Amino acid sequence: MWNYSDKLKEHFFNPKNAGVLEEANAVGEVGSISCGDALRLMLKVEPETQVIQDARFQTFGCGSAIASSSALTEMIIGKTVDEALQVTNKDIADYLEGLPPEKMHCSVMGAEALRAAIANYRGEEWVDDHEEGELICKCFGVDAAMIERAVEVNALTTLEQVTNYTKAGASCKTCHEKIEDLLESLLAKQGKTLEPVAAKAPAPAMVGLADIAPLAAPASPEAAKPVPAKKLSNVQRMQIVIATLEEMRPYLKQDGGDVELVDIDGKNIYVRLSGACSGCQMASVTIEGIQTKLVEKLGELVRVIPHTMMAAE
């Protein structure tokens, strides 16, 4: 359970400046509805003074995303464009008297939308389609520059923190190595080192990987021959599948989605995606991420298939 400040609750239940700003002369859009979070920020800037006279927002996302958008508009109305550009995601979180670590990406989305809106006002190009090699997380469209800003502003030192602040690596996890490489290089410039990821203990009453790990190498040559991997029983396989899905569900729920096991038929594992994950354009990526994790956990090749394809199999 996350703890929210009274100020954050106030901005969620009674958001300020929500809606369309017809007189807007600056608009910034970030995120994607199909991935669970999207923000459209509209500004009315007085050309002579460069003062932001009004700001409105339309947000699709969780309560933290709505509160962060509301807070952002309150913070920038009355500021000049240059002054508004100094507002960081940390300022938004501080204004709300804190955000849960897992929700810091909502403040980052607000800061990115502000940069996009001001770029739009100035007639500058806001790059949201990334050049090859710059895009780090394909699932959520997070590039290296966004991660660099989050690391610099918030003094991040771990992969988990980068995920909480940017959502990079929260889905299929195939970009974790890229994130760690980038984070390591950024920390090296500061004279710091990357903090290792703490190992998580297996879920209670479930079969952990330690239970199926190969035994230590025996001393005799005969015994030194490769030992076939221990074959899991059907019950053990099902327990591992269920435990793995439970491990991934919090990440999907952060975006309003969910997953549940429907059936296991040999190497085929059928799942049902629900909520925001159902019909999402990135559903295939989510399925691929689940499959990668299950192959890793089970130690065998399996296929993860949407339950809607059961009849066709």
Protein backbone atom coordinates (compact mmCIF):
# COMPACT_ATOMS: atom_id res chain seq x y z
CA MET A 1 0.00 0.00 0.00
CA TRP A 2 1.37 3.40 -0.99
CA ASN A 3 1.17 6.41 1.29
CA TYR A 4 -0.04 9.65 -0.27
CA SER A 5 0.23 13.11 1.23
CA ASP A 6 -2.89 15.15 1.95
CA LYS A 7 -1.77 17.67 -0.66
CA LEU A 8 -1.49 14.98 -3.33
CA LYS A 9 -4.96 13.69 -2.42
CA GLU A 10 -6.34 17.22 -2.70
CA HIS A 11 -4.91 17.65 -6.20
CA PHE A 12 -6.25 14.24 -7.21
CA PHE A 13 -9.79 14.65 -5.88
CA ASN A 14 -10.00 18.36 -6.81
CA PRO A 15 -7.56 18.86 -9.71
CA LYS A 16 -6.75 22.44 -10.63
CA ASN A 17 -6.82 23.69 -14.23
CA ALA A 18 -8.10 20.46 -15.78
CA GLY A 19 -9.62 20.64 -19.25
CA VAL A 20 -9.02 22.22 -22.63
CA LEU A 21 -7.45 25.68 -22.99
CA GLU A 22 -8.96 27.13 -26.15
CA GLU A 23 -6.57 30.11 -26.22
CA ALA A 24 -3.45 27.96 -25.90
CA ASN A 25 -0.46 28.95 -28.00
CA ALA A 26 1.76 26.16 -26.67
CA VAL A 27 0.93 22.47 -26.42
CA GLY A 28 3.06 19.59 -25.17
CA GLU A 29 2.06 15.94 -25.38
CA VAL A 30 3.94 13.03 -23.82
CA GLY A 31 3.20 9.39 -23.04
CA SER A 32 0.71 7.09 -24.69
CA ILE A 33 -2.83 6.13 -23.70
CA SER A 34 -2.20 2.59 -24.95
CA CYS A 35 0.61 2.28 -22.37
CA GLY A 36 -1.38 3.68 -19.46
CA ASP A 37 -0.08 7.24 -19.04
CA ALA A 38 -0.53 10.27 -21.29
CA LEU A 39 -0.47 14.01 -20.63
CA ARG A 40 -1.46 16.95 -22.84
CA LEU A 41 -0.33 20.27 -21.39
CA MET A 42 -1.67 23.53 -22.85
CA LEU A 43 -0.22 26.98 -22.12
CA LYS A 44 -1.26 30.55 -22.90
CA VAL A 45 1.88 32.64 -23.06
CA GLU A 46 1.85 36.44 -23.33
CA PRO A 47 4.29 37.10 -26.23
CA GLU A 48 5.61 40.45 -25.01
CA THR A 49 6.34 39.47 -21.41
CA GLN A 50 6.83 35.72 -22.01
CA VAL A 51 4.67 35.15 -18.93
CA ILE A 52 2.49 32.02 -18.76
CA GLN A 53 -0.94 33.50 -18.17
CA ASP A 54 -2.87 30.22 -18.06
CA ALA A 55 -2.25 26.48 -18.16
CA ARG A 56 -4.58 23.52 -18.49
CA PHE A 57 -4.06 19.78 -18.77
CA GLN A 58 -5.71 16.58 -19.90
CA THR A 59 -4.25 13.48 -18.26
CA PHE A 60 -4.93 9.79 -18.75
CA GLY A 61 -3.39 7.85 -15.91
CA CYS A 62 -3.41 7.12 -12.20
CA GLY A 63 -4.14 9.50 -9.33
CA SER A 64 -0.47 10.44 -9.01
CA ALA A 65 -0.36 11.42 -12.70
CA ILE A 66 -3.44 13.63 -12.33
CA ALA A 67 -2.13 15.23 -9.12
CA SER A 68 1.30 15.85 -10.71
CA SER A 69 -0.34 17.52 -13.73
CA SER A 70 -2.54 19.66 -11.49
CA ALA A 71 0.43 20.70 -9.35
CA LEU A 72 2.51 21.54 -12.42
CA THR A 73 -0.07 23.99 -13.76
CA GLU A 74 -0.31 25.73 -10.37
CA MET A 75 3.46 26.01 -10.22
CA ILE A 76 4.01 27.57 -13.65
CA ILE A 77 1.10 30.03 -13.99
CA GLY A 78 2.61 33.49 -13.53
CA LYS A 79 6.15 32.41 -14.36
CA THR A 80 8.03 33.41 -17.47
CA VAL A 81 8.87 30.69 -19.95
CA ASP A 82 12.51 30.73 -18.86
CA GLU A 83 11.50 30.48 -15.20
CA ALA A 84 9.13 27.58 -15.96
CA LEU A 85 11.93 25.71 -17.69
CA GLN A 86 13.74 25.55 -14.36
CA VAL A 87 10.93 23.44 -12.86
CA THR A 88 12.05 19.84 -12.48
CA ASN A 89 10.20 16.66 -11.68
CA LYS A 90 11.69 16.85 -8.19
CA ASP A 91 10.07 20.27 -7.73
CA ILE A 92 6.70 18.77 -8.69
CA ALA A 93 7.12 15.91 -6.22
CA ASP A 94 8.21 18.33 -3.48
CA TYR A 95 5.20 20.56 -4.22
CA LEU A 96 2.97 17.53 -3.60
CA GLU A 97 4.91 16.81 -0.37
CA GLY A 98 6.28 13.61 -1.86
CA LEU A 99 5.32 10.80 -4.20
CA PRO A 100 5.75 7.04 -3.63
CA PRO A 101 9.01 5.89 -5.29
CA GLU A 102 7.02 3.71 -7.70
CA LYS A 103 5.05 6.79 -8.84
CA MET A 104 7.90 9.24 -9.42
CA HIS A 105 7.56 8.67 -13.16
CA CYS A 106 4.34 10.75 -12.97
CA SER A 107 6.35 13.82 -11.95
CA VAL A 108 8.86 13.11 -14.73
CA MET A 109 5.99 12.97 -17.24
CA GLY A 110 4.89 16.44 -16.09
CA ALA A 111 8.38 17.89 -16.47
CA GLU A 112 8.73 16.34 -19.93
CA ALA A 113 5.34 17.74 -21.03
CA LEU A 114 6.43 21.20 -19.88
CA ARG A 115 9.61 20.97 -21.95
CA ALA A 116 7.56 19.81 -24.93
CA ALA A 117 5.04 22.67 -24.59
CA ILE A 118 7.74 25.33 -24.36
CA ALA A 119 9.54 23.82 -27.34
CA ASN A 120 6.24 24.03 -29.22
CA TYR A 121 5.80 27.68 -28.22
CA ARG A 122 9.28 28.54 -29.43
CA GLY A 123 8.78 26.71 -32.70
CA GLU A 124 11.41 24.15 -31.82
CA GLU A 125 11.16 20.49 -32.70
CA TRP A 126 10.29 18.23 -29.79
CA VAL A 127 11.77 14.86 -30.60
CA ASP A 128 9.54 12.01 -29.53
CA ASP A 129 10.45 9.63 -32.33
CA HIS A 130 13.92 8.53 -31.45
CA GLU A 131 16.84 7.94 -33.72
CA GLU A 132 18.22 4.43 -33.85
CA GLY A 133 20.51 3.82 -30.91
CA GLU A 134 19.02 6.53 -28.66
CA LEU A 135 15.88 4.66 -27.65
CA ILE A 136 16.53 2.61 -24.52
CA CYS A 137 13.11 1.21 -23.54
CA LYS A 138 10.94 0.34 -26.52
CA CYS A 139 7.96 -0.61 -24.35
CA PHE A 140 7.51 2.91 -22.96
CA GLY A 141 9.48 4.95 -25.50
CA VAL A 142 12.09 6.15 -23.01
CA ASP A 143 15.29 7.49 -24.54
CA ALA A 144 18.76 8.05 -23.12
CA ALA A 145 18.24 11.80 -22.72
CA MET A 146 15.18 11.31 -20.50
CA ILE A 147 17.07 8.84 -18.31
CA GLU A 148 20.05 11.20 -18.10
CA ARG A 149 17.82 14.05 -16.91
CA ALA A 150 16.12 11.84 -14.32
CA VAL A 151 19.45 10.55 -13.00
CA GLU A 152 20.95 14.03 -12.82
CA VAL A 153 17.99 15.79 -11.19
CA ASN A 154 17.14 13.05 -8.72
CA ALA A 155 20.62 11.60 -8.00
CA LEU A 156 19.56 8.09 -9.00
CA THR A 157 22.04 5.28 -8.47
CA THR A 158 20.16 2.02 -9.13
CA LEU A 159 18.29 0.34 -11.95
CA GLU A 160 15.18 0.10 -9.77
CA GLN A 161 15.21 3.86 -9.20
CA VAL A 162 15.52 4.55 -12.94
CA THR A 163 12.50 2.31 -13.54
CA ASN A 164 10.47 4.07 -10.85
CA TYR A 165 11.28 7.52 -12.24
CA THR A 166 10.97 6.84 -15.98
CA LYS A 167 9.18 3.46 -16.33
CA ALA A 168 12.11 2.29 -18.48
CA GLY A 169 12.51 -1.45 -18.04
CA ALA A 170 9.21 -1.93 -16.19
CA SER A 171 7.68 -4.28 -18.76
CA CYS A 172 9.71 -6.86 -20.69
CA LYS A 173 12.99 -5.99 -18.93
CA THR A 174 15.05 -6.68 -22.07
CA CYS A 175 16.53 -3.16 -21.81
CA HIS A 176 17.91 -3.62 -18.31
CA GLU A 177 21.44 -4.16 -19.59
CA LYS A 178 21.27 -0.95 -21.66
CA ILE A 179 19.95 1.00 -18.69
CA GLU A 180 22.69 -0.33 -16.43
CA ASP A 181 25.37 0.52 -19.02
CA LEU A 182 24.01 4.06 -19.37
CA LEU A 183 23.63 4.49 -15.62
CA GLU A 184 27.15 3.18 -15.01
CA SER A 185 28.63 5.71 -17.46
CA LEU A 186 26.65 8.58 -15.92
CA LEU A 187 27.70 7.63 -12.40
CA ALA A 188 31.34 7.27 -13.48
CA LYS A 189 31.30 10.95 -14.52
CA GLN A 190 30.24 11.75 -10.93
CA GLY A 191 32.86 9.46 -9.40
CA LYS A 192 30.18 7.01 -8.30
CA THR A 193 29.54 3.34 -9.01
CA LEU A 194 26.40 1.44 -9.92
CA GLU A 195 24.71 -0.19 -6.95
CA PRO A 196 24.05 -3.91 -7.55
CA VAL A 197 20.45 -5.15 -7.67
CA ALA A 198 19.54 -6.89 -4.44
CA ALA A 199 18.57 -10.53 -4.94
CA LYS A 200 14.96 -11.30 -4.10
CA ALA A 201 14.06 -14.37 -2.07
CA PRO A 202 11.66 -16.89 -3.65
CA ALA A 203 8.03 -16.50 -2.68
CA PRO A 204 7.06 -18.50 0.42
CA ALA A 205 5.53 -21.92 -0.19
CA MET A 206 6.57 -21.76 -3.84
CA VAL A 207 9.28 -23.67 -5.64
CA GLY A 208 12.31 -21.36 -5.94
CA LEU A 209 15.07 -21.59 -8.52
CA ALA A 210 17.38 -22.85 -5.77
CA ASP A 211 15.29 -26.02 -5.66
CA ILE A 212 16.03 -26.86 -9.27
CA ALA A 213 19.65 -25.68 -9.43
CA PRO A 214 22.25 -28.31 -10.49
CA LEU A 215 24.15 -29.98 -7.66
CA ALA A 216 27.76 -29.10 -6.93
CA ALA A 217 30.30 -30.89 -9.14
CA PRO A 218 31.25 -34.31 -7.65
CA ALA A 219 34.84 -35.31 -7.04
CA SER A 220 35.02 -38.59 -9.04
CA PRO A 221 35.40 -38.55 -12.88
CA GLU A 222 32.36 -40.75 -13.27
CA ALA A 223 30.28 -38.52 -11.15
CA ALA A 224 31.67 -35.49 -12.98
CA LYS A 225 29.59 -36.34 -16.05
CA PRO A 226 26.87 -33.77 -16.76
CA VAL A 227 23.81 -34.33 -14.66
CA PRO A 228 20.54 -33.88 -16.52
CA ALA A 229 18.49 -31.00 -15.22
CA LYS A 230 15.94 -32.05 -12.67
CA LYS A 231 12.59 -32.48 -14.36
CA LEU A 232 9.87 -30.47 -12.75
CA SER A 233 6.57 -32.05 -11.89
CA ASN A 234 3.42 -30.51 -13.34
CA VAL A 235 2.61 -29.06 -9.93
CA GLN A 236 6.06 -27.50 -9.62
CA ARG A 237 5.80 -26.00 -13.11
CA MET A 238 2.40 -24.52 -12.33
CA GLN A 239 3.66 -23.07 -9.04
CA ILE A 240 6.57 -21.37 -10.81
CA VAL A 241 4.28 -20.01 -13.54
CA ILE A 242 1.84 -18.59 -11.00
CA ALA A 243 4.63 -17.12 -8.86
CA THR A 244 6.23 -15.48 -11.92
CA LEU A 245 2.97 -13.91 -13.04
CA GLU A 246 2.36 -12.63 -9.51
CA GLU A 247 5.83 -11.08 -9.61
CA MET A 248 5.03 -9.21 -12.83
CA ARG A 249 1.50 -8.07 -11.99
CA PRO A 250 2.49 -5.01 -9.90
CA TYR A 251 4.29 -3.55 -12.94
CA LEU A 252 1.24 -4.10 -15.14
CA LYS A 253 -1.11 -2.73 -12.48
CA GLN A 254 0.89 0.50 -12.36
CA ASP A 255 -0.47 1.13 -15.85
CA GLY A 256 -3.99 -0.10 -15.16
CA GLY A 257 -3.43 -3.55 -16.64
CA ASP A 258 -3.24 -7.08 -15.32
CA VAL A 259 -2.56 -10.68 -16.31
CA GLU A 260 -3.85 -14.05 -15.14
CA LEU A 261 -3.08 -17.64 -15.96
CA VAL A 262 -5.78 -19.43 -17.98
CA ASP A 263 -4.27 -22.82 -18.79
CA ILE A 264 -1.04 -24.75 -19.27
CA ASP A 265 -0.91 -27.27 -22.10
CA GLY A 266 2.56 -28.74 -22.37
CA LYS A 267 4.89 -26.01 -23.60
CA ASN A 268 1.97 -23.63 -24.23
CA ILE A 269 1.01 -21.26 -21.42
CA TYR A 270 -2.24 -19.37 -22.00
CA VAL A 271 -2.76 -16.03 -20.24
CA ARG A 272 -5.47 -13.39 -20.19
CA LEU A 273 -4.44 -9.73 -20.35
CA SER A 274 -7.00 -7.38 -18.83
CA GLY A 275 -7.52 -3.69 -18.04
CA ALA A 276 -5.27 -1.33 -19.98
CA CYS A 277 -3.27 -4.31 -21.29
CA SER A 278 -6.32 -5.65 -23.14
CA GLY A 279 -6.23 -4.29 -26.67
CA CYS A 280 -3.04 -2.32 -25.97
CA GLN A 281 -0.82 -1.79 -29.00
CA MET A 282 2.08 -3.04 -26.92
CA ALA A 283 0.29 -6.25 -25.84
CA SER A 284 2.60 -8.38 -27.96
CA VAL A 285 5.61 -6.83 -26.21
CA THR A 286 4.02 -7.58 -22.84
CA ILE A 287 3.42 -11.19 -23.88
CA GLU A 288 7.02 -11.44 -25.07
CA GLY A 289 8.27 -10.06 -21.77
CA ILE A 290 6.22 -12.58 -19.80
CA GLN A 291 7.50 -15.41 -21.99
CA THR A 292 11.13 -14.32 -21.51
CA LYS A 293 10.65 -14.28 -17.75
CA LEU A 294 8.98 -17.72 -17.69
CA VAL A 295 11.70 -19.28 -19.84
CA GLU A 296 14.22 -17.92 -17.37
CA LYS A 297 12.31 -19.18 -14.33
CA LEU A 298 11.37 -22.60 -15.70
CA GLY A 299 14.70 -23.31 -17.37
CA GLU A 300 12.93 -24.57 -20.49
CA LEU A 301 11.48 -23.16 -23.67
CA VAL A 302 7.77 -22.35 -23.41
CA ARG A 303 5.32 -20.28 -25.43
CA VAL A 304 3.07 -17.68 -23.84
CA ILE A 305 -0.12 -17.30 -25.84
CA PRO A 306 -3.16 -15.02 -25.38
CA HIS A 307 -6.17 -17.04 -24.23
CA THR A 308 -8.12 -15.79 -27.26
CA MET A 309 -5.97 -18.07 -29.41
CA MET A 310 -6.80 -21.24 -27.51
CA ALA A 311 -9.44 -22.34 -30.00
CA ALA A 312 -7.09 -21.75 -32.92
CA GLU A 313 -4.27 -23.87 -31.45
